[in-house]
Amino acid sequence: MSIALKLSAELVEMAKPHAAAEHRSVPKQIEYWARLGKAVDENPDLPLQFIKDTLLALQEEKAGQLAPYTFGV
């Protein structure tokens, strides 16, 4: 579901170079920041990189890109 939001021009301008570097649209970049911020807020004891890696792994799973891992091999 999409809804219109009024965002500050400052936030939109901050998002532009990050969006370009990550090949995202500006709205998708801001959405990513919101999801990441929510995950950080809900898990204050976890390192940021661990949270980023976990969010990436969830998307890889949805895309069917995970392979089974065998311990001890």
Protein backbone atom coordinates (compact mmCIF):
# COMPACT_ATOMS: atom_id res chain seq x y z
CA MET A 1 0.00 0.00 0.00
CA SER A 2 1.33 3.42 -0.91
CA ILE A 3 0.44 6.66 0.78
CA ALA A 4 1.66 10.19 0.25
CA LEU A 5 3.89 11.64 2.96
CA LYS A 6 5.30 15.11 3.34
CA LEU A 7 9.04 14.82 3.98
CA SER A 8 11.51 17.58 4.67
CA ALA A 9 13.55 18.74 1.72
CA GLU A 10 16.66 18.16 3.85
CA LEU A 11 15.85 14.44 4.29
CA VAL A 12 15.13 14.02 0.58
CA GLU A 13 18.42 15.74 -0.35
CA MET A 14 20.34 13.57 2.14
CA ALA A 15 18.81 10.46 0.60
CA LYS A 16 19.69 11.27 -3.02
CA PRO A 17 23.40 10.30 -3.02
CA HIS A 18 22.74 7.19 -0.91
CA ALA A 19 19.94 6.16 -3.24
CA ALA A 20 22.16 6.59 -6.29
CA ALA A 21 25.01 4.63 -4.70
CA GLU A 22 22.68 1.74 -3.78
CA HIS A 23 20.72 1.84 -7.08
CA ARG A 24 17.48 2.67 -5.26
CA SER A 25 14.91 5.36 -5.82
CA VAL A 26 14.87 8.15 -3.23
CA PRO A 27 11.57 6.88 -1.72
CA LYS A 28 12.98 3.34 -1.51
CA GLN A 29 16.13 4.66 0.17
CA ILE A 30 14.07 6.46 2.80
CA GLU A 31 11.97 3.31 3.26
CA TYR A 32 15.19 1.32 3.77
CA TRP A 33 16.37 3.81 6.38
CA ALA A 34 13.01 3.55 8.15
CA ARG A 35 13.15 -0.27 8.23
CA LEU A 36 16.74 -0.23 9.42
CA GLY A 37 15.97 2.36 12.08
CA LYS A 38 13.02 0.30 13.31
CA ALA A 39 15.19 -2.82 13.53
CA VAL A 40 17.91 -0.92 15.41
CA ASP A 41 15.34 0.55 17.79
CA GLU A 42 13.88 -2.90 18.48
CA ASN A 43 17.33 -4.50 18.96
CA PRO A 44 19.54 -1.94 20.71
CA ASP A 45 22.07 -4.54 21.87
CA LEU A 46 22.88 -5.84 18.38
CA PRO A 47 25.62 -4.32 16.20
CA LEU A 48 24.39 -2.35 13.19
CA GLN A 49 26.22 -4.58 10.69
CA PHE A 50 24.59 -7.69 12.19
CA ILE A 51 21.15 -6.09 11.72
CA LYS A 52 21.99 -5.11 8.12
CA ASP A 53 23.21 -8.63 7.36
CA THR A 54 20.07 -10.12 8.90
CA LEU A 55 17.78 -7.88 6.83
CA LEU A 56 19.76 -8.84 3.71
CA ALA A 57 19.48 -12.55 4.56
CA LEU A 58 15.71 -12.22 4.93
CA GLN A 59 15.48 -10.73 1.43
CA GLU A 60 17.78 -13.41 0.02
CA GLU A 61 15.52 -16.05 1.54
CA LYS A 62 12.44 -14.48 -0.07
CA ALA A 63 14.29 -14.51 -3.40
CA GLY A 64 15.22 -18.20 -3.01
CA GLN A 65 18.92 -17.43 -2.92
CA LEU A 66 19.87 -19.30 0.25
CA ALA A 67 21.72 -22.59 0.27
CA PRO A 68 21.79 -25.07 3.16
CA TYR A 69 24.79 -24.76 5.46
CA THR A 70 26.41 -27.90 6.84
CA PHE A 71 28.25 -27.43 10.13
CA GLY A 72 31.60 -29.10 10.63
CA VAL A 73 32.41 -29.68 6.97
